[in-house]
Protein backbone atom coordinates (compact mmCIF):
# COMPACT_ATOMS: atom_id res chain seq x y z
CA MET A 1 12.46 -38.68 -74.07
CA GLU A 2 15.87 -39.98 -75.08
CA ASN A 3 17.62 -36.63 -75.44
CA LYS A 4 16.22 -35.38 -72.13
CA LYS A 5 17.33 -38.56 -70.41
CA LEU A 6 20.80 -38.14 -71.84
CA LYS A 7 20.94 -34.50 -70.78
CA SER A 8 20.00 -35.55 -67.24
CA ILE A 9 22.70 -38.19 -67.26
CA MET A 10 25.25 -35.66 -68.42
CA GLN A 11 24.20 -33.14 -65.81
CA ASP A 12 24.54 -35.75 -63.06
CA ALA A 13 28.12 -36.29 -64.14
CA LEU A 14 29.20 -32.64 -64.06
CA GLU A 15 30.91 -33.07 -60.69
CA LYS A 16 33.38 -35.51 -62.21
CA GLU A 17 36.84 -34.32 -63.18
CA ILE A 18 35.98 -34.47 -66.88
CA SER A 19 32.40 -33.78 -67.83
CA PRO A 20 30.70 -36.31 -70.12
CA ALA A 21 28.77 -33.39 -71.57
CA GLN A 22 32.00 -32.01 -72.99
CA ILE A 23 34.20 -34.94 -74.00
CA GLU A 24 34.05 -36.74 -77.28
CA LEU A 25 34.07 -40.26 -75.84
CA TRP A 26 30.79 -40.12 -73.92
CA PRO A 27 28.42 -39.30 -76.81
CA ALA A 28 29.93 -42.26 -78.67
CA VAL A 29 29.26 -44.60 -75.75
CA LYS A 30 25.77 -43.31 -75.07
CA ASN A 31 24.73 -43.19 -78.69
CA ARG A 32 25.83 -46.79 -79.05
CA LEU A 33 23.56 -47.72 -76.14
CA VAL A 34 20.43 -45.74 -76.98
CA ALA A 35 17.83 -47.91 -78.71
CA ARG A 36 16.99 -46.11 -81.91
CA LYS A 37 13.30 -46.95 -82.09
CA HIS A 38 12.22 -43.54 -83.34
CA PRO A 39 12.90 -41.24 -86.30
CA LEU A 40 15.87 -38.92 -86.65
CA PHE A 41 14.56 -36.90 -83.77
CA ARG A 42 11.27 -36.68 -81.98
CA GLN A 43 9.44 -33.61 -83.02
CA GLY A 44 9.04 -31.04 -80.33
CA GLU A 45 12.30 -31.64 -78.55
CA ASN A 46 14.84 -28.88 -78.45
CA MET A 47 16.17 -29.08 -81.97
CA HIS A 48 19.71 -27.97 -81.17
CA THR A 49 20.27 -30.60 -78.49
CA THR A 50 18.33 -33.35 -80.22
CA LEU A 51 20.12 -33.14 -83.51
CA PHE A 52 23.47 -33.02 -81.74
CA ILE A 53 22.60 -36.32 -80.09
CA ARG A 54 20.80 -38.20 -82.82
CA ARG A 55 22.99 -37.31 -85.77
CA THR A 56 26.14 -38.52 -84.02
CA ALA A 57 24.78 -42.04 -83.58
CA LEU A 58 26.47 -43.38 -86.73
CA THR A 59 29.40 -40.99 -86.93
CA THR A 60 31.07 -40.96 -83.51
CA LEU A 61 31.06 -44.59 -82.40
CA ALA A 62 34.61 -45.03 -83.72
CA LEU A 63 35.87 -42.58 -81.07
CA ILE A 64 35.29 -44.98 -78.20
CA ILE A 65 37.26 -47.61 -80.09
CA ALA A 66 39.95 -45.08 -80.93
CA VAL A 67 40.34 -44.27 -77.23
CA SER A 68 40.75 -47.94 -76.44
CA LEU A 69 43.27 -48.40 -79.23
CA LEU A 70 45.44 -45.32 -78.84
CA ALA A 71 48.35 -47.72 -78.68
CA PHE A 72 48.03 -48.48 -82.36
CA THR A 73 49.12 -44.94 -83.23
CA PRO A 74 52.76 -43.82 -83.33
CA HIS A 75 52.06 -41.60 -80.30
CA GLY A 76 50.87 -44.58 -78.29
CA ARG A 77 54.04 -46.51 -79.03
CA ALA A 78 56.45 -43.64 -78.57
CA LEU A 79 55.13 -42.70 -75.14
CA ALA A 80 55.25 -46.20 -73.70
CA LYS A 81 57.48 -46.23 -70.63
CA ASN A 82 56.93 -49.30 -68.46
CA LEU A 83 55.81 -52.16 -70.69
CA LEU A 84 53.58 -54.54 -68.74
CA SER A 85 52.00 -57.77 -69.87
CA PHE A 86 48.85 -56.14 -71.21
CA PHE A 87 48.91 -52.40 -70.45
CA THR A 88 51.51 -49.69 -70.94
CA ARG A 89 51.86 -46.74 -68.62
CA THR A 90 52.41 -43.43 -70.36
CA GLU A 91 54.95 -40.95 -69.02
CA GLY A 92 52.12 -38.89 -67.57
CA ASP A 93 48.36 -38.85 -67.53
CA SER A 94 47.91 -37.57 -71.05
CA LEU A 95 48.46 -38.63 -74.64
CA PRO A 96 48.30 -36.64 -77.86
CA VAL A 97 44.92 -37.07 -79.50
CA PRO A 98 45.42 -39.52 -82.39
CA THR A 99 46.07 -37.82 -85.69
CA PRO A 100 43.80 -39.12 -88.43
CA GLN A 101 45.72 -41.77 -90.34
CA PRO A 102 45.14 -45.08 -92.12
CA THR A 103 44.96 -48.13 -89.86
CA GLU A 104 45.01 -51.86 -90.37
CA LEU A 105 41.23 -52.17 -90.06
CA GLY A 106 40.39 -50.38 -93.27
CA GLN A 107 41.11 -47.58 -95.66
CA GLY A 108 40.76 -43.87 -94.96
CA THR A 109 42.09 -41.34 -92.50
CA ASP A 110 39.95 -41.74 -89.40
CA PRO A 111 41.51 -42.80 -86.06
CA LEU A 112 39.69 -46.09 -86.55
CA PRO A 113 37.84 -46.40 -89.85
CA ALA A 114 34.99 -48.83 -90.41
CA PRO A 115 36.15 -52.43 -90.80
CA ALA A 116 36.29 -52.41 -94.58
CA ALA A 117 37.09 -56.13 -94.85
CA PHE A 118 33.83 -57.31 -93.24
CA ALA A 119 31.61 -54.27 -93.65
CA ASP A 120 29.70 -55.63 -96.64
CA ASP A 121 28.79 -58.86 -94.88
CA CYS A 122 28.80 -57.86 -91.21
CA GLY A 123 28.03 -54.15 -91.14
CA GLU A 124 29.90 -51.18 -89.77
CA PHE A 125 30.93 -50.65 -86.15
CA SER A 126 27.76 -48.64 -85.64
CA MET A 127 25.49 -51.48 -86.76
CA PRO A 128 27.16 -54.92 -86.54
CA THR A 129 25.06 -57.71 -88.00
CA CYS A 130 27.06 -60.96 -88.08
CA SER A 131 26.77 -63.83 -85.65
CA VAL A 132 29.83 -65.12 -83.81
CA GLU A 133 29.83 -68.23 -86.00
CA GLN A 134 29.86 -66.07 -89.12
CA VAL A 135 32.91 -64.04 -88.06
CA ARG A 136 34.67 -67.19 -86.85
CA ALA A 137 34.44 -68.52 -90.39
CA LYS A 138 36.15 -65.39 -91.71
CA VAL A 139 39.35 -65.49 -89.61
CA ASN A 140 42.25 -67.88 -89.02
CA PHE A 141 42.41 -67.63 -85.22
CA THR A 142 40.27 -68.89 -82.38
CA ILE A 143 37.44 -66.67 -81.17
CA LYS A 144 35.72 -67.48 -77.91
CA GLU A 145 32.58 -65.72 -76.73
CA PRO A 146 31.10 -65.20 -73.26
CA ALA A 147 28.55 -67.80 -72.21
CA ARG A 148 27.44 -65.86 -69.16
CA PHE A 149 26.43 -62.23 -68.81
CA PRO A 150 24.10 -60.36 -66.49
CA ASP A 151 20.50 -61.25 -67.31
CA GLU A 152 19.83 -57.87 -68.81
CA MET A 153 22.49 -58.26 -71.53
CA TYR A 154 21.88 -59.40 -75.08
CA PHE A 155 24.13 -59.98 -78.11
CA VAL A 156 23.96 -57.20 -80.71
CA GLY A 157 26.29 -58.42 -83.45
CA ALA A 158 29.87 -58.86 -84.57
CA THR A 159 32.09 -57.36 -87.23
CA GLY A 160 35.77 -56.69 -87.86
CA SER A 161 38.59 -57.76 -90.18
CA PRO A 162 40.92 -60.73 -90.65
CA GLU A 163 43.21 -59.11 -88.06
CA GLU A 164 40.62 -58.35 -85.40
CA VAL A 165 37.02 -59.18 -84.55
CA ILE A 166 34.74 -57.15 -82.26
CA LEU A 167 31.63 -58.51 -80.54
CA PHE A 168 29.02 -56.08 -79.21
CA TYR A 169 26.62 -56.60 -76.29
CA ASN A 170 24.01 -54.22 -74.85
CA ALA A 171 21.74 -54.12 -71.84
CA ILE A 172 18.03 -54.38 -72.46
CA ASP A 173 17.48 -51.03 -70.74
CA GLN A 174 20.30 -49.49 -72.81
CA SER A 175 22.19 -48.41 -69.68
CA GLN A 176 25.39 -50.37 -70.24
CA GLY A 177 27.30 -52.26 -72.86
CA VAL A 178 30.27 -54.53 -73.52
CA MET A 179 32.69 -54.82 -76.41
CA LEU A 180 34.94 -57.85 -76.80
CA PHE A 181 38.00 -57.46 -79.02
CA ALA A 182 39.77 -60.63 -80.22
CA LYS A 183 42.93 -60.73 -82.30
CA PRO A 184 45.75 -63.19 -82.95
CA LEU A 185 48.67 -62.91 -80.56
CA THR A 186 51.43 -61.85 -82.91
CA ASP A 187 52.54 -58.38 -81.84
CA LEU A 188 51.55 -57.70 -78.22
CA PRO A 189 54.89 -56.01 -77.31
CA ALA A 190 54.55 -53.74 -80.35
CA THR A 191 50.92 -52.81 -79.67
CA PRO A 192 50.48 -52.26 -75.93
CA PHE A 193 47.27 -50.83 -74.50
CA PRO A 194 48.11 -47.39 -73.03
CA VAL A 195 46.83 -46.24 -69.64
CA GLY A 196 47.63 -43.16 -67.60
CA GLN A 197 50.62 -43.04 -65.28
CA SER A 198 48.23 -42.84 -62.30
CA ALA A 199 46.07 -45.75 -63.47
CA SER A 200 45.71 -48.68 -61.10
CA ILE A 201 46.66 -51.85 -63.00
CA GLU A 202 45.56 -54.94 -61.13
CA PRO A 203 46.87 -58.43 -61.97
CA VAL A 204 44.09 -61.01 -62.17
CA SER A 205 43.59 -64.66 -63.02
CA ILE A 206 41.13 -65.89 -65.64
CA ASN A 207 40.75 -69.64 -65.28
CA GLY A 208 44.39 -69.78 -64.22
CA LEU A 209 45.52 -67.55 -67.10
CA PRO A 210 47.24 -64.26 -66.19
CA GLY A 211 45.49 -61.05 -67.06
CA GLU A 212 45.17 -57.42 -65.99
CA TYR A 213 42.29 -55.11 -65.09
CA VAL A 214 42.05 -51.31 -65.33
CA ARG A 215 39.24 -48.84 -64.64
CA GLY A 216 39.27 -45.56 -66.56
CA ALA A 217 39.92 -44.19 -70.02
CA PHE A 218 41.67 -41.44 -71.94
CA ALA A 219 39.16 -38.77 -72.94
CA TRP A 220 39.38 -35.46 -74.72
CA GLN A 221 37.36 -32.47 -75.80
CA SER A 222 37.02 -31.80 -79.49
CA GLN A 223 39.34 -28.80 -79.34
CA ASP A 224 42.03 -30.54 -77.28
CA VAL A 225 45.35 -31.78 -78.61
CA GLU A 226 45.83 -34.11 -75.65
CA ALA A 227 43.63 -36.80 -74.11
CA ALA A 228 43.57 -36.87 -70.29
CA TRP A 229 43.38 -40.04 -68.22
CA ASN A 230 40.23 -40.23 -66.08
CA SER A 231 40.08 -43.13 -63.63
CA ASP A 232 36.50 -42.25 -62.67
CA PHE A 233 35.23 -42.58 -66.21
CA GLY A 234 32.63 -45.31 -66.70
CA MET A 235 34.83 -47.82 -68.50
CA GLU A 236 36.47 -51.00 -67.20
CA THR A 237 38.94 -53.06 -69.23
CA LEU A 238 40.19 -56.61 -68.81
CA ARG A 239 42.99 -58.09 -71.00
CA TRP A 240 44.37 -61.60 -71.17
CA VAL A 241 45.71 -64.23 -73.58
CA ASP A 242 44.03 -67.58 -74.16
CA GLY A 243 45.97 -69.87 -76.48
CA LYS A 244 47.06 -67.75 -79.43
CA THR A 245 44.35 -65.11 -79.08
CA ILE A 246 44.55 -61.91 -77.05
CA TYR A 247 41.22 -60.66 -75.71
CA THR A 248 40.21 -57.20 -74.58
CA LEU A 249 36.91 -57.05 -72.70
CA GLU A 250 35.55 -53.51 -72.25
CA TYR A 251 32.53 -52.66 -70.12
CA PHE A 252 31.02 -49.17 -70.16
CA ALA A 253 28.10 -47.61 -68.34
CA TYR A 254 26.98 -44.12 -67.35
CA GLN A 255 25.86 -44.61 -63.77
CA SER A 256 27.29 -47.84 -62.38
CA GLN A 257 30.18 -50.22 -62.70
CA ILE A 258 30.28 -53.96 -63.09
CA GLY A 259 33.43 -54.40 -61.01
CA LYS A 260 36.52 -56.51 -61.44
CA GLU A 261 35.05 -59.73 -60.07
CA LYS A 262 32.00 -59.79 -62.34
CA LEU A 263 34.10 -58.83 -65.35
CA ILE A 264 36.36 -61.80 -64.58
CA GLU A 265 33.28 -64.04 -64.31
CA ILE A 266 32.31 -63.01 -67.83
CA ALA A 267 35.83 -63.74 -69.08
CA GLU A 268 35.93 -67.13 -67.36
CA SER A 269 32.71 -68.15 -69.11
CA MET A 270 34.33 -67.74 -72.54
CA THR A 271 33.85 -70.72 -74.80
CA SER A 272 34.33 -71.75 -78.41
CA GLU A 273 31.07 -73.71 -78.28
CA PRO A 274 27.87 -72.18 -79.64
CA VAL A 275 26.13 -69.89 -77.15
CA VAL A 276 22.40 -69.33 -77.15
CA TRP A 277 21.54 -65.73 -76.31
CA GLN A 278 18.20 -64.20 -75.69
CA ALA A 279 16.84 -62.63 -78.83
CA THR A 280 17.70 -59.03 -79.56
CA PRO A 281 14.79 -56.92 -78.28
CA ILE A 282 12.36 -55.99 -81.02
CA PRO A 283 10.00 -53.06 -80.56
CA ASP A 284 6.56 -54.28 -79.60
CA PRO A 285 4.18 -53.46 -82.46
CA THR A 286 1.48 -52.89 -79.85
CA GLU A 287 3.67 -50.45 -77.92
CA ALA A 288 1.98 -47.11 -77.53
CA PRO A 289 3.38 -44.56 -80.00
CA TRP A 290 5.18 -41.51 -78.78
CA ASN A 291 2.70 -39.07 -77.31
CA PRO A 292 3.92 -35.47 -77.65
CA LYS A 293 1.43 -34.47 -74.95
CA ASN A 294 3.77 -36.11 -72.42
CA ASP A 295 6.46 -33.56 -73.29
CA TYR A 296 4.13 -30.60 -73.68
CA PRO A 297 1.67 -31.27 -70.85
CA LEU A 298 0.79 -27.68 -69.93
CA GLY A 299 -1.95 -25.42 -71.15
CA ILE A 300 -1.43 -21.87 -72.39
CA ALA A 301 -2.77 -20.37 -69.15
CA GLU A 302 -0.34 -22.47 -67.12
CA VAL A 303 2.77 -21.34 -68.98
CA GLU A 304 1.55 -17.76 -68.87
CA GLU A 305 1.30 -18.03 -65.10
CA LYS A 306 4.79 -19.49 -64.83
CA SER A 307 6.40 -16.96 -67.19
CA GLY A 308 4.52 -13.88 -66.10
CA PHE A 309 3.71 -12.74 -69.66
CA SER A 310 0.95 -13.31 -72.20
CA VAL A 311 1.74 -15.89 -74.88
CA VAL A 312 1.21 -14.64 -78.42
CA LEU A 313 -0.37 -17.28 -80.63
CA PRO A 314 -1.04 -17.22 -84.37
CA PRO A 315 -4.68 -17.31 -85.48
CA GLU A 316 -5.99 -20.80 -86.21
CA SER A 317 -6.36 -19.86 -89.87
CA ALA A 318 -2.58 -19.45 -90.17
CA VAL A 319 -1.63 -22.85 -88.76
CA SER A 320 -2.69 -26.11 -90.36
CA LEU A 321 -1.19 -28.28 -87.60
CA PRO A 322 -3.03 -29.22 -84.38
CA LEU A 323 -1.91 -27.50 -81.17
CA ILE A 324 -0.65 -30.24 -78.82
CA GLY A 325 0.30 -28.34 -75.68
CA ALA A 326 2.90 -26.16 -74.06
CA ASN A 327 5.94 -26.32 -71.82
CA TYR A 328 7.98 -23.92 -69.71
CA GLN A 329 11.76 -23.56 -69.59
CA ALA A 330 12.88 -21.85 -66.41
CA GLU A 331 16.31 -21.02 -67.80
CA GLY A 332 15.71 -17.82 -69.73
CA ASN A 333 12.01 -17.76 -68.73
CA ILE A 334 10.95 -19.26 -72.07
CA THR A 335 7.56 -20.66 -73.07
CA GLN A 336 7.19 -23.28 -75.79
CA VAL A 337 4.01 -24.11 -77.69
CA PHE A 338 4.05 -27.24 -79.82
CA TYR A 339 2.08 -27.98 -83.00
CA TYR A 340 2.31 -31.46 -84.51
CA SER A 341 0.58 -33.70 -87.03
CA ASN A 342 0.37 -37.50 -86.90
CA GLU A 343 0.00 -37.53 -90.66
CA TYR A 344 3.19 -38.13 -92.63
CA VAL A 345 4.06 -35.74 -95.44
CA GLU A 346 6.77 -36.03 -98.06
CA VAL A 347 9.38 -33.28 -97.81
CA GLU A 348 11.39 -32.45 -100.88
CA ASN A 349 15.06 -31.53 -101.03
CA SER A 350 16.11 -32.90 -97.67
CA ILE A 351 19.88 -33.33 -97.69
CA ILE A 352 22.26 -36.17 -96.95
CA ALA A 353 25.70 -34.72 -96.23
CA GLU A 354 29.05 -36.47 -96.60
CA PHE A 355 32.31 -34.90 -95.41
CA THR A 356 35.92 -35.80 -96.18
CA LYS A 357 39.18 -34.18 -95.15
CA ASP A 358 42.18 -33.51 -97.39
CA GLY A 359 44.87 -32.02 -95.17
CA ASP A 360 43.29 -29.00 -93.54
CA THR A 361 40.56 -28.71 -96.18
CA VAL A 362 37.12 -30.12 -95.43
CA LYS A 363 35.21 -31.21 -98.52
CA SER A 364 31.43 -31.64 -98.45
CA ASP A 365 29.03 -33.44 -100.74
CA PHE A 366 25.32 -32.66 -100.31
CA LYS A 367 22.83 -35.05 -101.86
CA LYS A 368 19.15 -34.15 -102.08
CA HIS A 369 16.38 -36.68 -101.56
CA ASN A 370 12.77 -36.85 -100.42
CA ILE A 371 11.75 -37.99 -96.96
CA ALA A 372 8.45 -38.73 -95.23
CA THR A 373 8.08 -37.02 -91.85
CA ASN A 374 5.58 -35.71 -89.34
CA PRO A 375 5.45 -31.92 -89.75
CA SER A 376 5.82 -29.90 -86.57
CA ILE A 377 6.59 -26.43 -85.28
CA THR A 378 7.74 -25.27 -81.87
CA LEU A 379 6.89 -21.67 -81.03
CA SER A 380 9.20 -20.27 -78.34
CA GLN A 381 8.77 -16.88 -76.63
CA GLN A 382 10.87 -14.96 -74.14
CA ALA A 383 10.41 -11.63 -72.41
CA ALA A 384 13.29 -9.51 -73.73
CA PRO A 385 13.27 -5.79 -72.90
CA ASN A 386 16.76 -5.57 -74.41
CA PRO A 387 16.89 -7.20 -77.87
CA ALA A 388 20.68 -7.44 -77.59
CA ASP A 389 20.53 -9.60 -74.45
CA CYS A 390 18.34 -12.68 -74.67
CA PHE A 391 18.52 -16.30 -75.75
CA LEU A 392 16.03 -16.04 -78.62
CA CYS A 393 16.83 -12.58 -79.94
CA ASP A 394 19.29 -13.22 -82.71
CA VAL A 395 21.08 -15.69 -84.96
CA LEU A 396 24.69 -15.86 -83.83
CA VAL A 397 27.60 -16.53 -86.16
CA GLY A 398 30.22 -18.82 -84.70
CA ASP A 399 31.07 -22.51 -84.32
CA SER A 400 29.35 -25.51 -82.75
CA GLN A 401 31.22 -25.09 -79.46
CA MET A 402 29.05 -22.05 -78.67
CA LEU A 403 25.98 -24.30 -78.42
CA GLN A 404 27.42 -26.18 -75.44
CA SER A 405 26.90 -23.21 -73.16
CA ASN A 406 23.15 -22.88 -73.87
CA SER A 407 21.02 -25.00 -76.19
CA SER A 408 18.56 -22.13 -76.74
CA LEU A 409 21.17 -20.18 -78.67
CA LEU A 410 20.93 -20.37 -82.43
CA VAL A 411 24.47 -20.52 -83.80
CA VAL A 412 25.36 -20.89 -87.47
CA PRO A 413 28.75 -20.87 -89.22
CA PRO A 414 29.86 -17.97 -91.42
CA GLU A 415 28.99 -19.90 -94.57
CA ALA A 416 25.34 -20.41 -93.54
CA THR A 417 22.71 -18.39 -95.38
CA VAL A 418 20.84 -16.16 -92.93
CA GLU A 419 18.03 -14.41 -94.75
CA ILE A 420 16.43 -11.15 -93.62
CA VAL A 421 12.70 -11.56 -94.19
CA PRO A 422 9.90 -8.96 -93.94
CA LEU A 423 7.29 -9.63 -91.25
CA GLY A 424 4.85 -6.76 -91.62
CA ASP A 425 6.31 -3.67 -89.95
CA ILE A 426 9.46 -5.51 -88.76
CA THR A 427 11.98 -7.99 -90.12
CA GLY A 428 13.13 -11.40 -88.94
CA LYS A 429 16.00 -13.76 -89.59
CA TYR A 430 15.44 -17.08 -91.32
CA VAL A 431 17.92 -19.96 -91.68
CA GLU A 432 17.77 -23.56 -92.82
CA GLY A 433 20.13 -26.25 -91.61
CA VAL A 434 21.59 -28.20 -88.71
CA TRP A 435 24.93 -29.15 -87.19
CA GLN A 436 26.01 -32.69 -88.04
CA GLY A 437 28.70 -34.69 -86.23
CA THR A 438 31.32 -36.34 -88.45
CA ASP A 439 34.17 -38.78 -87.92
CA CYS A 440 36.66 -36.85 -90.00
CA CYS A 441 35.90 -33.20 -89.46
CA GLY A 442 34.14 -32.49 -86.17
CA TRP A 443 30.78 -30.69 -86.27
CA GLN A 444 29.82 -29.49 -89.75
CA TRP A 445 26.88 -27.37 -90.84
CA VAL A 446 24.37 -29.00 -93.19
CA PRO A 447 22.01 -26.59 -95.03
CA ASP A 448 19.00 -28.91 -94.78
CA PRO A 449 15.75 -27.17 -95.80
CA MET A 450 13.68 -29.69 -93.83
CA LEU A 451 14.88 -28.10 -90.58
CA SER A 452 14.40 -24.34 -90.31
CA HIS A 453 14.41 -21.49 -87.79
CA LEU A 454 12.77 -18.09 -87.87
CA ARG A 455 13.52 -15.48 -85.19
CA TRP A 456 12.29 -11.95 -84.57
CA TRP A 457 11.82 -9.34 -81.81
CA LYS A 458 8.89 -7.00 -81.23
CA ASN A 459 7.48 -4.99 -78.32
CA GLY A 460 9.89 -6.38 -75.73
CA MET A 461 9.33 -10.02 -76.73
CA ALA A 462 11.64 -12.41 -78.58
CA PHE A 463 10.19 -15.18 -80.75
CA GLU A 464 11.44 -18.27 -82.51
CA ILE A 465 9.66 -20.82 -84.68
CA MET A 466 11.53 -24.08 -85.19
CA SER A 467 10.04 -26.32 -87.81
CA MET A 468 10.45 -29.72 -89.37
CA GLY A 469 8.78 -30.48 -92.65
CA VAL A 470 7.04 -27.09 -92.85
CA SER A 471 7.67 -24.90 -95.88
CA LYS A 472 9.28 -21.48 -95.66
CA GLU A 473 6.12 -19.90 -97.05
CA ASP A 474 3.95 -21.44 -94.33
CA LEU A 475 6.43 -20.42 -91.65
CA LEU A 476 6.40 -16.80 -92.83
CA LYS A 477 2.61 -16.84 -92.98
CA ILE A 478 2.46 -17.89 -89.33
CA ALA A 479 4.99 -15.28 -88.20
CA ARG A 480 3.33 -12.45 -90.11
CA ALA A 481 -0.04 -13.31 -88.61
CA MET A 482 1.49 -13.18 -85.13
CA VAL A 483 3.16 -9.84 -85.79
CA GLU A 484 -0.12 -8.46 -87.11
CA ASN A 485 -1.89 -9.51 -83.90
CA MET A 486 0.65 -7.57 -81.83
CA LYS A 487 -0.22 -4.19 -83.32
């Protein structure tokens, strides 16, 4: 599944100097590449990890662009030392993380807000919809587009403003992507493109025109005040001027690189003539739907053998959803049993959250609406002789950074409502909500009743029920029936 694939990709990159699992840039790149053919998240996946990934798809794309355009901030200009034709070396291999401020591409206080000028017609950065011809008609400078790409590439869309246009391209397998920035050549010396002091800047020729190539990017963790240059990061940048337009061609991938020569080939194919691209891939209506059995392929006896303990299940009368299967998580010795219905139900009072920042104060606006979803529950169990020392034993109060260490932890902010609920002869802890990534304010907690957790401990075992689209009353009914069976 998509979140498991991404986790594997991140784990493969842990040996790099800066881990893609930790920096802010990588989720933006990957989320831009992942084909969003499925709902908000696929039921049955680890809810913590999944919601981290899926809910950042529309909110963190601007970070990759902000990294590329650090030069447009006062910090980027002030730290320029050796001005080159297209790139500027910083005094070291770090830059202050851009402070939220208005920019020329729109209104607001994000490092790079959505392109307000074209957003109505051409969509936001996260979902560009215009053709190249459409954005050409909106600006007063020449825009060329690549006529040649690797076979697996397709054109996604274009958007921007009168001052800059951005064209997006993706690979069919979603493993790589390209962004082409085009803007009139009016202020190149005032807006250099910053690279680290140790970056290798290579002069190149594009159809006889001078240009420069760099591999690497500035990247930072959410808590950092400085972005560090990483030459091994999966981004390659080519800059050059053609006529009165300056172009920035950025290639990014998570496992491979396109290389200087092929990037130049793309640049040399640029043309102002119409280009016919292969159609954007459309999901095949005959494609087999997601089968949760693929992710929960084990039987109850199999996970019991792997874990070494007996799995406690609720009686069939307490659960209205079909049992799909089970899985085993070696870390923490945790079993997971998944219940899921193919039938959509309408869930009331799901929440859309909007966050804004006024100085140091984060303001939130929660809007309730109804949503149709497939109800599901994931029942997790862990042997826990000590209730103070296990992954599933408690609801922790902290911040979103605590989740990075272990996705089985359940962490909520101080303002979250954690309810103590009676479960027969014991009590449990119940909470509704999820962490949501935002452009302005980092990770923020959304008290969404559609997504809930119930945890308890009894007789040396820790339990958790994660649910989507299941009412609190039904969740408590299931838990109480399980506790009753353990007497």
